[in-house]
Each structure stands twice: as C-alpha cells, then as structure tokens.
Amino acid sequence: MAIKMDPVKYALDQVSELAALPEVTMKIIQVVEDPESTARDLHEIVCNDPSLSSRLLRVVNSAFFGLPGQIGSIERAIVLLGLNAVKNIAIAASLGQLFKKGKLTDSHSLKDLWTHSVAVAAVSRLLTGRLALALQEEAFLAGLIHDLGLVIGAQAFRDELGQVIERAEGGEDFEALENELIGCTHGALGQALAAKWKFPRPLQYATGFHHHPDQLAPENRLLTNVVYVADVVVNNSGIGLHLPSEDTEPSSSVLEELYLSPSDVAACSEDLEEHVEVVKDILDGRGG
C-alpha cells in the first residue's frame, strides 16, 4: 500500500469505530469535567452499568489501590476513589475491550500488548506513589494508553507494522522503520487519538513522547518521564509484548529529573507479575 500523505489522519479515519469511547464512558467524562458535578451525579450513571459497578467495587477493595477494604456501596466507592479515579477506571475498562479485537500482527497478539500496557500502568502508579506525587491515577491511565498508537497501527497499517516489527527484531531502529514504512510513529498515532478523545495534555504527551520525553519542554515532562521509566522497566521484565527499544535501562538524566534512584526503580519492579495479574483481573472484569 502506498504511504498516505497524512498517515495519522488516514489511520483515524480508517478506525473510526475503534476511535470512539463507549457512551457510558463519555457520559462519565462529561460529568467529571463539569465542576458542578457531585459524587451523586456520577453514582446515577455508574449504577446503570452493572459491569462498571462491580469493577469499581473490585478496585476499591483491592490492596493494590491502597484503600480500606470491605466496601460494598457504589456511592461509598466513588467517594473513596474520587471522581477522577472513577473516570480513569471507566476509560481503562473501555480500553481493555479495544485490545481484545484481533492481533497486533500475524505473530504478535493484542492480548500481549494489553498485558504490557497494564504492567506499564502498574509501574507508573507505583513510581508516582513512591515519589509522593498526587498523580497516581493519572499516571496509571497514562501508562495504560501509552501504546494506543500500536493498536491503531494494527488496524490501519497491518502489513507495514508487521514489517516494522520483523525488521526491528532483526536489529533495525523501530521508530525509523515506522517513519519509513508507515510515515509516522505509533507515538504520533496514539497522541492523535488521545487528542481526539480530548484527554488532558499531559496524557497526550505521555502517549506521543514516551520514548523521547527529552523532546518535551521541561515543564511538560513529568508524567511522560514516569511512563518512559515504567516502559523500560516492563520491557526488561519480560512481561507481555516486548518490542525492541534503544533503552535497556532508564536514562540517568530522566531518573535525576524525577529524583529517582536505581533502587527506587528496582523496588517498583518487585512483584510486578503479581501486580499485573491483580490489575488485569479488575479491568477485565474477573475475580470477586
């Protein structure tokens, strides 16, 4: 297939069904973004979605999220989690469905990419918790969406993406191959989708620049730096899909900017597989 003049626009046009969040998720986003909304407003929407209701209860009772257990009330769960966290959980649950549709390429599964994304989300949340940053839920969502561009690429440029991955596994540069064969990187595709969904700028940046946070202005780098470190940690863990990357260890300059030590990073990678299974159970609607 000939490379399109604007591959990003072409891709979003091709995957219009993919690039739409479910109606209930859009309603939740609208309510949360309205400064006059209350937990009661959100409760009315969530209660009409049994799957989301049960998922919220699993989250609020999960040790991973560090909240008091044995909560049986949806309204109490919303109050404890906060409106933004509920919004992010709804988005995360919607994203889980996108990653179940088909394969990434003939030899790579979207399910494995989902596992990778959940792992990056978990580490991103653990890192921000370790740094005592009030960004844990935002970091979790940023980690979850960082590779959305690969999902779009699998839909719009399946053959080309397959060639990119095959040649990158042979030692060639992944993003250089994307630019050569597709005309843009998965970061550009993911950032465009995050912008279409009207996600906040920090989430758009994390999706677009998670391999190159240094390309952002210093004041815009915090969340992207966190996702970058988490991505490198997960790539080294062997959990989920592992695509070739130029960084086998987090950049020392990024660690310094975050005031993270190598021991901090190592601590966040401990028990990672267990964390991933817990989070996947919550987002995929499994477990009790």
Protein backbone atom coordinates (compact mmCIF):
# COMPACT_ATOMS: atom_id res chain seq x y z
CA MET A 1 0.00 0.00 0.00
CA ALA A 2 1.30 3.45 -0.86
CA ILE A 3 2.13 5.67 2.09
CA LYS A 4 -0.64 8.21 2.66
CA MET A 5 0.03 11.95 2.53
CA ASP A 6 -1.21 12.26 6.13
CA PRO A 7 -0.91 8.80 7.72
CA VAL A 8 -2.24 9.99 11.08
CA LYS A 9 -5.48 11.39 9.60
CA TYR A 10 -5.79 8.35 7.36
CA ALA A 11 -5.41 5.99 10.32
CA LEU A 12 -8.00 7.78 12.47
CA ASP A 13 -10.44 7.79 9.53
CA GLN A 14 -9.85 4.07 8.99
CA VAL A 15 -10.50 3.15 12.59
CA SER A 16 -13.44 5.43 13.37
CA GLU A 17 -15.20 2.63 15.27
CA LEU A 18 -12.08 1.89 17.29
CA ALA A 19 -11.52 5.58 17.95
CA ALA A 20 -14.82 6.03 19.81
CA LEU A 21 -15.25 5.53 23.55
CA PRO A 22 -18.49 3.85 24.72
CA GLU A 23 -21.43 6.13 25.50
CA VAL A 24 -21.36 5.43 29.25
CA THR A 25 -17.65 6.31 29.38
CA MET A 26 -18.27 9.58 27.51
CA LYS A 27 -21.07 10.43 29.97
CA ILE A 28 -18.74 9.81 32.89
CA ILE A 29 -16.04 12.02 31.36
CA GLN A 30 -18.59 14.82 30.83
CA VAL A 31 -19.83 14.60 34.42
CA VAL A 32 -16.32 14.57 35.91
CA GLU A 33 -15.22 17.54 33.80
CA ASP A 34 -18.24 19.57 34.95
CA PRO A 35 -17.05 21.48 38.06
CA GLU A 36 -20.59 21.48 39.46
CA SER A 37 -20.92 17.68 39.37
CA THR A 38 -21.07 15.63 42.56
CA ALA A 39 -20.47 12.01 43.51
CA ARG A 40 -24.27 11.56 43.39
CA ASP A 41 -24.33 12.57 39.69
CA LEU A 42 -21.67 10.00 38.92
CA HIS A 43 -23.41 7.39 41.04
CA GLU A 44 -26.55 7.67 38.89
CA ILE A 45 -24.57 6.80 35.75
CA VAL A 46 -22.43 4.04 37.24
CA CYS A 47 -25.40 2.27 38.85
CA ASN A 48 -26.93 1.75 35.41
CA ASP A 49 -23.87 -0.23 34.30
CA PRO A 50 -23.56 -3.48 36.32
CA SER A 51 -20.17 -4.36 34.82
CA LEU A 52 -18.67 -0.98 35.73
CA SER A 53 -20.28 -1.09 39.18
CA SER A 54 -18.69 -4.43 40.01
CA ARG A 55 -15.37 -3.26 38.61
CA LEU A 56 -15.38 -0.18 40.87
CA LEU A 57 -16.02 -2.37 43.90
CA ARG A 58 -13.12 -4.63 42.92
CA VAL A 59 -10.86 -1.58 42.62
CA VAL A 60 -11.86 -0.02 45.94
CA ASN A 61 -11.38 -3.36 47.71
CA SER A 62 -8.06 -4.15 46.04
CA ALA A 63 -4.89 -3.95 48.12
CA PHE A 64 -3.03 -2.65 45.04
CA PHE A 65 -5.00 0.59 45.18
CA GLY A 66 -4.29 1.07 48.87
CA LEU A 67 -7.82 1.82 50.05
CA PRO A 68 -9.71 0.35 53.01
CA GLY A 69 -11.32 -2.95 52.08
CA GLN A 70 -14.83 -4.35 52.56
CA ILE A 71 -16.64 -1.53 50.75
CA GLY A 72 -20.00 -2.72 49.39
CA SER A 73 -21.61 0.58 48.42
CA ILE A 74 -21.08 2.08 44.95
CA GLU A 75 -21.61 5.59 46.31
CA ARG A 76 -19.03 5.00 49.05
CA ALA A 77 -16.63 3.56 46.46
CA ILE A 78 -16.99 6.71 44.33
CA VAL A 79 -16.35 8.96 47.33
CA LEU A 80 -13.25 6.98 48.36
CA LEU A 81 -11.82 6.71 44.86
CA GLY A 82 -12.65 10.25 43.78
CA LEU A 83 -14.37 11.34 40.58
CA ASN A 84 -11.18 11.40 38.50
CA ALA A 85 -10.23 7.87 39.51
CA VAL A 86 -13.71 6.61 38.58
CA LYS A 87 -13.38 8.33 35.20
CA ASN A 88 -10.00 6.70 34.61
CA ILE A 89 -11.30 3.26 35.60
CA ALA A 90 -14.18 3.63 33.13
CA ILE A 91 -11.73 4.62 30.39
CA ALA A 92 -9.40 1.78 31.32
CA ALA A 93 -12.24 -0.76 31.15
CA SER A 94 -13.19 0.57 27.70
CA LEU A 95 -9.60 0.32 26.50
CA GLY A 96 -9.43 -3.30 27.59
CA GLN A 97 -12.09 -4.10 25.00
CA LEU A 98 -10.08 -2.43 22.22
CA PHE A 99 -7.09 -4.64 22.93
CA LYS A 100 -9.16 -7.81 22.52
CA LYS A 101 -10.05 -7.24 18.86
CA GLY A 102 -7.74 -9.38 16.76
CA LYS A 103 -3.97 -9.48 16.51
CA LEU A 104 -1.29 -6.82 16.51
CA THR A 105 0.43 -8.64 13.65
CA ASP A 106 0.39 -12.22 12.38
CA SER A 107 2.98 -13.17 15.00
CA HIS A 108 2.07 -10.82 17.88
CA SER A 109 -1.09 -10.73 19.95
CA LEU A 110 -3.03 -7.66 21.09
CA LYS A 111 -3.59 -9.55 24.35
CA ASP A 112 0.18 -9.49 24.95
CA LEU A 113 0.22 -5.75 24.19
CA TRP A 114 -2.58 -5.31 26.75
CA THR A 115 -0.52 -7.18 29.35
CA HIS A 116 2.44 -4.90 28.57
CA SER A 117 0.22 -1.81 28.87
CA VAL A 118 -1.27 -2.94 32.19
CA ALA A 119 2.25 -3.57 33.51
CA VAL A 120 3.40 -0.07 32.46
CA ALA A 121 0.28 1.36 34.12
CA ALA A 122 1.03 -0.52 37.35
CA VAL A 123 4.67 0.59 37.46
CA SER A 124 3.72 4.19 36.60
CA ARG A 125 1.32 4.23 39.54
CA LEU A 126 3.89 2.67 41.87
CA LEU A 127 6.55 5.19 40.79
CA THR A 128 4.33 8.21 41.45
CA GLY A 129 3.33 6.72 44.80
CA ARG A 130 6.99 6.31 45.70
CA LEU A 131 7.59 9.94 44.73
CA ALA A 132 4.56 11.03 46.83
CA LEU A 133 3.07 12.73 43.76
CA ALA A 134 -0.67 13.33 43.65
CA LEU A 135 -0.71 11.85 40.15
CA GLN A 136 -1.19 8.16 40.80
CA GLU A 137 -4.46 7.70 38.91
CA GLU A 138 -3.35 9.94 36.05
CA ALA A 139 -0.05 8.03 35.84
CA PHE A 140 -1.94 4.73 35.78
CA LEU A 141 -4.06 5.85 32.83
CA ALA A 142 -1.05 7.34 31.04
CA GLY A 143 0.76 4.01 31.32
CA LEU A 144 -2.30 2.17 30.08
CA ILE A 145 -2.69 4.30 26.93
CA HIS A 146 0.97 4.85 26.06
CA ASP A 147 0.97 2.29 23.21
CA LEU A 148 -2.50 3.03 21.84
CA GLY A 149 -0.81 4.01 18.58
CA LEU A 150 0.18 0.38 18.03
CA VAL A 151 -3.48 -0.66 18.24
CA ILE A 152 -4.38 1.94 15.62
CA GLY A 153 -1.41 0.89 13.50
CA ALA A 154 -2.54 -2.74 13.64
CA GLN A 155 -5.91 -1.70 12.21
CA ALA A 156 -4.78 0.82 9.58
CA PHE A 157 -1.31 -0.40 8.60
CA ARG A 158 -1.29 -4.10 9.49
CA ASP A 159 1.16 -5.28 6.80
CA GLU A 160 3.50 -2.33 7.28
CA LEU A 161 3.51 -2.70 11.07
CA GLY A 162 4.28 -6.39 10.68
CA GLN A 163 7.31 -5.49 8.55
CA VAL A 164 8.39 -2.86 11.10
CA ILE A 165 8.32 -5.38 13.95
CA GLU A 166 10.02 -8.12 11.95
CA ARG A 167 12.87 -5.86 10.83
CA ALA A 168 13.20 -4.24 14.27
CA GLU A 169 13.58 -7.67 15.83
CA GLY A 170 16.45 -8.12 13.39
CA GLY A 171 18.23 -5.10 14.87
CA GLU A 172 16.92 -2.09 12.92
CA ASP A 173 15.58 1.01 14.69
CA PHE A 174 11.86 0.66 15.43
CA GLU A 175 10.78 4.29 15.03
CA ALA A 176 12.96 4.84 11.97
CA LEU A 177 11.23 1.87 10.37
CA GLU A 178 7.81 3.25 11.31
CA ASN A 179 8.63 6.54 9.61
CA GLU A 180 9.97 4.73 6.56
CA LEU A 181 7.16 2.20 6.08
CA ILE A 182 4.13 3.93 7.64
CA GLY A 183 5.03 7.60 7.50
CA CYS A 184 4.69 8.27 11.24
CA THR A 185 5.41 6.65 14.60
CA HIS A 186 3.00 4.84 16.91
CA GLY A 187 3.54 7.74 19.31
CA ALA A 188 2.12 10.19 16.77
CA LEU A 189 -0.87 7.91 16.15
CA GLY A 190 -1.56 7.47 19.86
CA GLN A 191 -1.21 11.16 20.61
CA ALA A 192 -3.70 11.99 17.84
CA LEU A 193 -6.25 9.57 19.31
CA ALA A 194 -5.72 10.94 22.82
CA ALA A 195 -6.31 14.44 21.40
CA LYS A 196 -9.46 13.24 19.61
CA TRP A 197 -10.73 11.90 22.93
CA LYS A 198 -9.96 15.32 24.46
CA PHE A 199 -7.66 13.82 27.06
CA PRO A 200 -5.63 16.35 29.09
CA ARG A 201 -2.36 17.49 27.51
CA PRO A 202 -0.13 15.53 29.93
CA LEU A 203 -1.82 12.29 28.80
CA GLN A 204 -1.44 13.28 25.15
CA TYR A 205 2.26 13.98 25.73
CA ALA A 206 2.80 10.67 27.54
CA THR A 207 1.27 8.82 24.60
CA GLY A 208 3.23 10.74 21.99
CA PHE A 209 6.63 11.08 23.65
CA HIS A 210 7.03 8.08 25.98
CA HIS A 211 10.19 7.04 24.12
CA HIS A 212 11.60 10.58 23.98
CA PRO A 213 10.49 12.67 26.98
CA ASP A 214 13.52 14.93 26.43
CA GLN A 215 11.79 16.29 23.31
CA LEU A 216 9.21 17.99 25.53
CA ALA A 217 9.70 21.26 27.37
CA PRO A 218 10.82 20.63 30.99
CA GLU A 219 7.50 21.82 32.43
CA ASN A 220 5.62 19.23 30.33
CA ARG A 221 7.80 16.20 31.06
CA LEU A 222 6.77 14.88 34.48
CA LEU A 223 4.11 12.34 33.51
CA THR A 224 5.92 11.35 30.31
CA ASN A 225 9.13 10.79 32.28
CA VAL A 226 7.27 8.45 34.63
CA VAL A 227 5.77 6.44 31.75
CA TYR A 228 9.14 6.31 30.00
CA VAL A 229 10.80 4.79 33.09
CA ALA A 230 7.91 2.36 33.59
CA ASP A 231 8.07 1.28 29.94
CA VAL A 232 11.79 0.50 30.19
CA VAL A 233 11.25 -1.41 33.45
CA VAL A 234 8.49 -3.52 31.90
CA ASN A 235 10.46 -4.19 28.73
CA ASN A 236 13.23 -5.57 30.93
CA SER A 237 10.79 -7.73 32.91
CA GLY A 238 9.75 -9.99 30.03
CA ILE A 239 6.06 -9.49 30.90
CA GLY A 240 3.71 -9.15 27.94
CA LEU A 241 4.74 -7.96 24.50
CA HIS A 242 8.38 -6.95 24.27
CA LEU A 243 9.31 -4.82 21.27
CA PRO A 244 12.90 -3.75 20.56
CA SER A 245 13.88 -0.49 22.30
CA GLU A 246 17.02 1.60 22.22
CA ASP A 247 16.98 1.97 26.02
CA THR A 248 17.75 -1.13 28.07
CA GLU A 249 17.98 0.93 31.27
CA PRO A 250 16.18 4.17 32.20
CA SER A 251 18.11 7.29 31.22
CA SER A 252 20.13 8.66 34.15
CA SER A 253 19.03 12.21 33.24
CA VAL A 254 15.35 11.21 33.47
CA LEU A 255 15.92 9.48 36.81
CA GLU A 256 17.67 12.61 38.12
CA GLU A 257 14.82 14.80 36.90
CA LEU A 258 12.35 12.60 38.78
CA TYR A 259 14.62 12.33 41.86
CA LEU A 260 14.52 8.55 41.49
CA SER A 261 17.38 6.23 42.38
CA PRO A 262 18.03 2.86 40.72
CA SER A 263 16.90 1.25 43.98
CA ASP A 264 13.56 3.10 43.74
CA VAL A 265 13.09 1.69 40.25
CA ALA A 266 14.06 -1.79 41.38
CA ALA A 267 11.57 -1.61 44.27
CA CYS A 268 8.74 -0.76 41.85
CA SER A 269 9.58 -3.74 39.68
CA GLU A 270 9.34 -6.20 42.58
CA ASP A 271 6.30 -8.49 42.48
CA LEU A 272 5.37 -6.89 39.16
CA GLU A 273 3.85 -10.02 37.70
CA GLU A 274 1.53 -10.33 40.71
CA HIS A 275 0.51 -6.66 40.44
CA VAL A 276 -0.24 -7.10 36.74
CA GLU A 277 -2.50 -10.09 37.35
CA VAL A 278 -4.43 -8.19 40.04
CA VAL A 279 -4.96 -5.17 37.79
CA LYS A 280 -5.88 -7.29 34.77
CA ASP A 281 -8.46 -9.15 36.86
CA ILE A 282 -10.02 -5.81 37.85
CA LEU A 283 -10.00 -4.26 34.37
CA ASP A 284 -11.07 -7.42 32.56
CA GLY A 285 -13.96 -7.95 34.95
CA ARG A 286 -12.68 -11.16 36.50
CA GLY A 287 -12.29 -12.07 40.13
CA GLY A 288 -14.52 -11.44 43.12
